[in-house]
Amino acid sequence: MGVMGVTIPMRIPQFSIRFLLAGMAIAAGVLLAVLRFGPHVVWVATMSGAPILHSIVPIPLEATPLDEELNDCRVGAFAFQLPASMCQAVDVQRGSWGGRIRFSDGKRSILLNLNPAREFNWFPDGFPEKKYVTYTELTREVAKVQSSDFSFAMTHHDLRWHDFCLKSRIETTKSIEHHKTTDLDGNLLWLSSILLNYEWATTDGKWYGGMMFQVPSGEADWVRNVCLSFAVNGDPTLINTSDDDAIKSMVIVSPTVGVPENLHTF
């Protein structure tokens, strides 16, 4: 604006500039807070109704003295011991989940998974640092994480890992016992007083699988001995290419007086 050709510069009041700068600073702060803590707020909101999970610290898996006889059993590449009475009934079960072989004596049973998976395919997306951790090691890591570990100080990566662990937990797991040999890493998960799951992984990173145990309440001590005797020798997937009768014919059982002559050592 000018008078008689003279331009008069416009002056912006100093308080307006300060107000503008303050507003921009506040907006930037809000934006940074949303970017930094937004995922945390969303996580808290979405997990508000989820069960509270507590840390499970794995303990060593140790053999238990038994009053009953155990037999050596071989099914394809799998070798383990089992109570003599459980060799009486053996059958193959199949479904959408794959195949498994069942040993039973009428009151307790073992379900051996015939569909072991290749170990290198398991690791979760977004966590490349876990690529060389075995599936069984992952189970133990996941079990140690608890709901109360959450913190707004977590990085986004730590928050995603925390979320993955809680969502990957089997909520019914009461305790975990584990053991590791040169060739095998195993976890015995106590899901209830009558249901236990043994998960195994080869330490060379090739395979992992499992066995399920159904037992009368309070009669599960023998399960530990079965798990400790479990071994894998060869390609465990070959057995699942056979028909049910052929699989049954592969079951070789003998008293535990050493490895039978017709079996390879393991």
Protein backbone atom coordinates (compact mmCIF):
# COMPACT_ATOMS: atom_id res chain seq x y z
CA MET A 1 0.00 0.00 0.00
CA GLY A 2 1.39 3.42 -0.90
CA VAL A 3 0.53 7.11 -0.75
CA MET A 4 1.43 9.37 -3.68
CA GLY A 5 3.77 6.69 -5.05
CA VAL A 6 5.52 6.05 -1.74
CA THR A 7 5.49 2.38 -0.65
CA ILE A 8 5.03 1.77 3.04
CA PRO A 9 6.31 -1.67 4.09
CA MET A 10 3.81 -3.95 5.90
CA ARG A 11 4.90 -4.89 9.38
CA ILE A 12 3.82 -8.19 10.92
CA PRO A 13 3.47 -7.86 14.66
CA GLN A 14 6.18 -9.75 16.53
CA PHE A 15 3.63 -11.64 18.62
CA SER A 16 2.08 -13.06 15.43
CA ILE A 17 5.45 -14.46 14.33
CA ARG A 18 6.02 -15.97 17.75
CA PHE A 19 2.51 -17.43 17.71
CA LEU A 20 3.10 -18.95 14.28
CA LEU A 21 6.44 -20.44 15.27
CA ALA A 22 4.96 -21.83 18.46
CA GLY A 23 2.11 -23.39 16.52
CA MET A 24 4.50 -24.98 14.07
CA ALA A 25 6.62 -26.33 16.93
CA ILE A 26 3.56 -27.82 18.62
CA ALA A 27 2.37 -29.40 15.36
CA ALA A 28 5.81 -30.87 14.76
CA GLY A 29 5.90 -32.21 18.32
CA VAL A 30 2.46 -33.82 17.93
CA LEU A 31 3.49 -35.35 14.62
CA LEU A 32 6.68 -36.76 16.10
CA ALA A 33 4.76 -38.13 19.10
CA VAL A 34 2.23 -39.82 16.79
CA LEU A 35 5.00 -41.35 14.70
CA ARG A 36 6.93 -42.48 17.77
CA PHE A 37 4.16 -43.64 20.08
CA GLY A 38 1.20 -44.20 17.74
CA PRO A 39 1.89 -47.93 17.30
CA HIS A 40 2.20 -48.30 21.07
CA VAL A 41 -1.18 -46.63 21.67
CA VAL A 42 -2.82 -48.78 18.99
CA TRP A 43 -1.26 -51.91 20.48
CA VAL A 44 -2.53 -51.09 23.96
CA ALA A 45 -6.03 -50.45 22.59
CA THR A 46 -6.18 -53.65 20.54
CA MET A 47 -4.71 -55.87 23.28
CA SER A 48 -6.79 -54.48 26.14
CA GLY A 49 -9.04 -57.55 26.18
CA ALA A 50 -6.32 -60.15 25.57
CA PRO A 51 -5.40 -62.68 28.28
CA ILE A 52 -2.58 -61.64 30.60
CA LEU A 53 0.37 -63.93 29.90
CA HIS A 54 3.15 -64.50 32.40
CA SER A 55 6.71 -65.54 31.73
CA ILE A 56 7.50 -69.26 31.58
CA VAL A 57 11.12 -70.05 32.34
CA PRO A 58 12.08 -73.42 30.79
CA ILE A 59 13.66 -76.00 33.09
CA PRO A 60 15.88 -78.99 32.18
CA LEU A 61 14.15 -82.18 31.06
CA GLU A 62 15.37 -85.07 33.21
CA ALA A 63 14.65 -88.80 33.25
CA THR A 64 12.26 -90.21 35.84
CA PRO A 65 12.70 -93.61 37.57
CA LEU A 66 9.99 -95.97 36.29
CA ASP A 67 8.47 -99.22 37.49
CA GLU A 68 7.50 -100.37 34.00
CA GLU A 69 9.54 -101.76 31.13
CA LEU A 70 10.40 -99.59 28.13
CA ASN A 71 10.91 -100.96 24.63
CA ASP A 72 13.05 -99.63 21.81
CA CYS A 73 10.89 -98.53 18.89
CA ARG A 74 11.86 -97.57 15.36
CA VAL A 75 9.56 -96.06 12.71
CA GLY A 76 11.45 -95.08 9.59
CA ALA A 77 13.95 -92.39 10.61
CA PHE A 78 12.40 -92.00 14.08
CA ALA A 79 13.70 -93.90 17.09
CA PHE A 80 12.51 -93.73 20.69
CA GLN A 81 11.50 -95.81 23.70
CA LEU A 82 7.96 -96.41 24.87
CA PRO A 83 6.17 -98.49 27.51
CA ALA A 84 5.84 -102.14 26.47
CA SER A 85 2.05 -102.08 26.91
CA MET A 86 1.71 -99.31 24.31
CA CYS A 87 3.03 -101.51 21.50
CA GLN A 88 -0.20 -103.52 21.49
CA ALA A 89 -2.25 -101.09 19.39
CA VAL A 90 -0.64 -99.23 16.48
CA ASP A 91 -2.58 -97.39 13.80
CA VAL A 92 -2.12 -94.58 11.28
CA GLN A 93 -4.34 -91.50 11.34
CA ARG A 94 -4.71 -89.00 8.51
CA GLY A 95 -6.51 -85.69 8.10
CA SER A 96 -6.16 -82.15 6.78
CA TRP A 97 -3.26 -81.72 9.22
CA GLY A 98 -1.38 -84.59 7.59
CA GLY A 99 -0.55 -88.00 9.01
CA ARG A 100 0.48 -89.42 12.36
CA ILE A 101 1.03 -92.83 13.88
CA ARG A 102 -0.66 -93.70 17.15
CA PHE A 103 0.56 -96.03 19.90
CA SER A 104 -1.90 -96.83 22.69
CA ASP A 105 -2.63 -99.22 25.55
CA GLY A 106 -6.23 -98.12 26.03
CA LYS A 107 -5.65 -95.53 28.72
CA ARG A 108 -2.77 -93.49 27.27
CA SER A 109 -1.47 -92.77 23.81
CA ILE A 110 1.39 -91.31 21.79
CA LEU A 111 0.73 -89.51 18.51
CA LEU A 112 3.87 -89.21 16.37
CA ASN A 113 3.65 -86.57 13.65
CA LEU A 114 4.61 -87.98 10.23
CA ASN A 115 4.85 -84.55 8.59
CA PRO A 116 8.03 -82.91 9.88
CA ALA A 117 8.69 -79.51 8.35
CA ARG A 118 11.88 -78.09 6.94
CA GLU A 119 13.46 -75.98 9.65
CA PHE A 120 14.69 -73.16 7.41
CA ASN A 121 11.12 -72.18 6.47
CA TRP A 122 9.87 -71.34 9.94
CA PHE A 123 11.41 -67.99 10.93
CA PRO A 124 8.97 -65.05 11.22
CA ASP A 125 8.91 -62.26 8.65
CA GLY A 126 10.43 -59.01 9.82
CA PHE A 127 12.93 -60.65 12.18
CA PRO A 128 15.87 -61.72 10.02
CA GLU A 129 18.07 -61.90 13.12
CA LYS A 130 16.06 -64.99 14.15
CA LYS A 131 16.75 -66.87 10.91
CA TYR A 132 19.27 -69.22 12.47
CA VAL A 133 17.38 -69.82 15.69
CA THR A 134 15.78 -73.28 15.76
CA TYR A 135 12.03 -73.61 16.14
CA THR A 136 12.46 -75.07 19.62
CA GLU A 137 14.73 -72.21 20.67
CA LEU A 138 12.07 -69.81 19.43
CA THR A 139 9.47 -71.51 21.61
CA ARG A 140 11.63 -70.92 24.68
CA GLU A 141 12.29 -67.28 23.73
CA VAL A 142 8.58 -66.68 23.18
CA ALA A 143 7.65 -68.32 26.48
CA LYS A 144 9.86 -65.95 28.46
CA VAL A 145 8.02 -62.86 27.16
CA GLN A 146 5.11 -61.68 29.31
CA SER A 147 2.39 -59.07 28.90
CA SER A 148 3.91 -56.77 31.54
CA ASP A 149 7.12 -56.42 29.50
CA PHE A 150 5.38 -53.81 27.36
CA SER A 151 6.82 -50.31 27.60
CA PHE A 152 6.36 -47.06 25.69
CA ALA A 153 10.16 -46.93 25.63
CA MET A 154 10.21 -49.89 23.23
CA THR A 155 11.41 -49.30 19.70
CA HIS A 156 8.97 -50.18 16.93
CA HIS A 157 10.99 -53.32 16.20
CA ASP A 158 10.91 -54.37 19.86
CA LEU A 159 7.17 -53.74 19.96
CA ARG A 160 6.60 -55.94 16.89
CA TRP A 161 8.67 -58.69 18.51
CA HIS A 162 6.74 -58.35 21.77
CA ASP A 163 3.47 -58.58 19.84
CA PHE A 164 4.69 -61.60 17.87
CA CYS A 165 5.72 -63.44 21.02
CA LEU A 166 2.44 -62.92 22.86
CA LYS A 167 0.37 -63.91 19.83
CA SER A 168 2.55 -66.98 19.19
CA ARG A 169 2.24 -68.35 22.71
CA ILE A 170 0.09 -71.42 23.32
CA GLU A 171 -2.02 -69.94 26.09
CA THR A 172 -2.62 -73.30 27.78
CA THR A 173 1.12 -73.99 28.26
CA LYS A 174 1.77 -74.45 31.98
CA SER A 175 5.48 -75.23 31.88
CA ILE A 176 8.31 -76.17 29.51
CA GLU A 177 11.06 -78.71 30.04
CA HIS A 178 13.88 -78.83 27.51
CA HIS A 179 16.98 -80.78 26.57
CA LYS A 180 19.62 -80.57 23.88
CA THR A 181 22.00 -83.14 22.42
CA THR A 182 24.54 -82.93 19.63
CA ASP A 183 21.84 -83.67 17.07
CA LEU A 184 18.52 -82.69 18.62
CA ASP A 185 16.91 -79.84 20.54
CA GLY A 186 13.61 -80.63 22.26
CA ASN A 187 10.88 -79.03 24.39
CA LEU A 188 8.25 -80.83 26.45
CA LEU A 189 5.23 -78.52 26.79
CA TRP A 190 2.81 -79.31 29.60
CA LEU A 191 -0.53 -78.12 28.20
CA SER A 192 -2.61 -79.67 30.99
CA SER A 193 -2.46 -82.57 33.44
CA ILE A 194 -3.54 -84.97 30.67
CA LEU A 195 -2.10 -83.43 27.49
CA LEU A 196 1.57 -82.86 26.69
CA ASN A 197 3.34 -81.90 23.48
CA TYR A 198 6.95 -82.70 22.63
CA GLU A 199 8.45 -80.58 19.87
CA TRP A 200 11.86 -81.36 18.41
CA ALA A 201 14.27 -79.76 15.94
CA THR A 202 17.51 -81.04 14.49
CA THR A 203 20.45 -78.87 15.48
CA ASP A 204 21.71 -78.76 11.89
CA GLY A 205 18.68 -76.64 11.03
CA LYS A 206 17.02 -79.13 8.66
CA TRP A 207 13.87 -80.47 10.34
CA TYR A 208 11.39 -80.00 13.15
CA GLY A 209 8.30 -81.93 14.26
CA GLY A 210 6.43 -83.20 17.28
CA MET A 211 4.75 -85.88 19.38
CA MET A 212 1.54 -85.54 21.37
CA PHE A 213 0.89 -87.45 24.59
CA GLN A 214 -2.51 -88.15 26.14
CA VAL A 215 -2.30 -89.57 29.66
CA PRO A 216 -4.44 -90.08 32.78
CA SER A 217 -4.11 -87.16 35.17
CA GLY A 218 -1.01 -87.44 37.33
CA GLU A 219 0.53 -90.31 35.32
CA ALA A 220 2.89 -88.53 32.94
CA ASP A 221 6.34 -89.21 34.41
CA TRP A 222 7.15 -91.83 31.74
CA VAL A 223 6.71 -89.16 29.03
CA ARG A 224 10.02 -87.56 30.00
CA ASN A 225 11.89 -90.79 29.33
CA VAL A 226 10.26 -91.17 25.92
CA CYS A 227 11.25 -87.63 24.94
CA LEU A 228 14.84 -88.06 26.12
CA SER A 229 15.19 -91.22 24.02
CA PHE A 230 13.85 -89.63 20.83
CA ALA A 231 16.26 -89.49 17.88
CA VAL A 232 16.12 -88.84 14.13
CA ASN A 233 18.36 -90.76 11.75
CA GLY A 234 17.92 -89.97 8.06
CA ASP A 235 15.20 -88.20 6.10
CA PRO A 236 12.05 -88.17 8.30
CA THR A 237 9.73 -87.37 5.38
CA LEU A 238 10.26 -90.63 3.52
CA ILE A 239 7.90 -92.52 5.79
CA ASN A 240 4.96 -90.29 4.90
CA THR A 241 5.18 -91.25 1.21
CA SER A 242 4.08 -94.79 2.08
CA ASP A 243 0.56 -96.14 2.49
CA ASP A 244 -0.82 -96.97 5.93
CA ASP A 245 -0.02 -100.70 5.84
CA ALA A 246 3.54 -99.98 4.71
CA ILE A 247 3.99 -97.51 7.58
CA LYS A 248 2.73 -100.06 10.10
CA SER A 249 5.18 -102.61 8.72
CA MET A 250 8.02 -100.15 9.42
CA VAL A 251 7.32 -100.21 13.15
CA ILE A 252 10.04 -102.28 14.80
CA VAL A 253 9.87 -102.85 18.55
CA SER A 254 12.25 -104.74 20.82
CA PRO A 255 13.14 -104.80 24.55
CA THR A 256 15.66 -102.15 25.57
CA VAL A 257 18.70 -104.39 25.65
CA GLY A 258 20.53 -102.45 22.96
CA VAL A 259 19.95 -101.65 19.34
CA PRO A 260 18.52 -104.61 17.32
CA GLU A 261 20.91 -106.04 14.73
CA ASN A 262 18.56 -105.19 11.83
CA LEU A 263 18.62 -101.49 12.70
CA HIS A 264 21.21 -98.87 11.99
CA THR A 265 22.78 -97.40 15.10
CA PHE A 266 21.48 -94.02 16.23
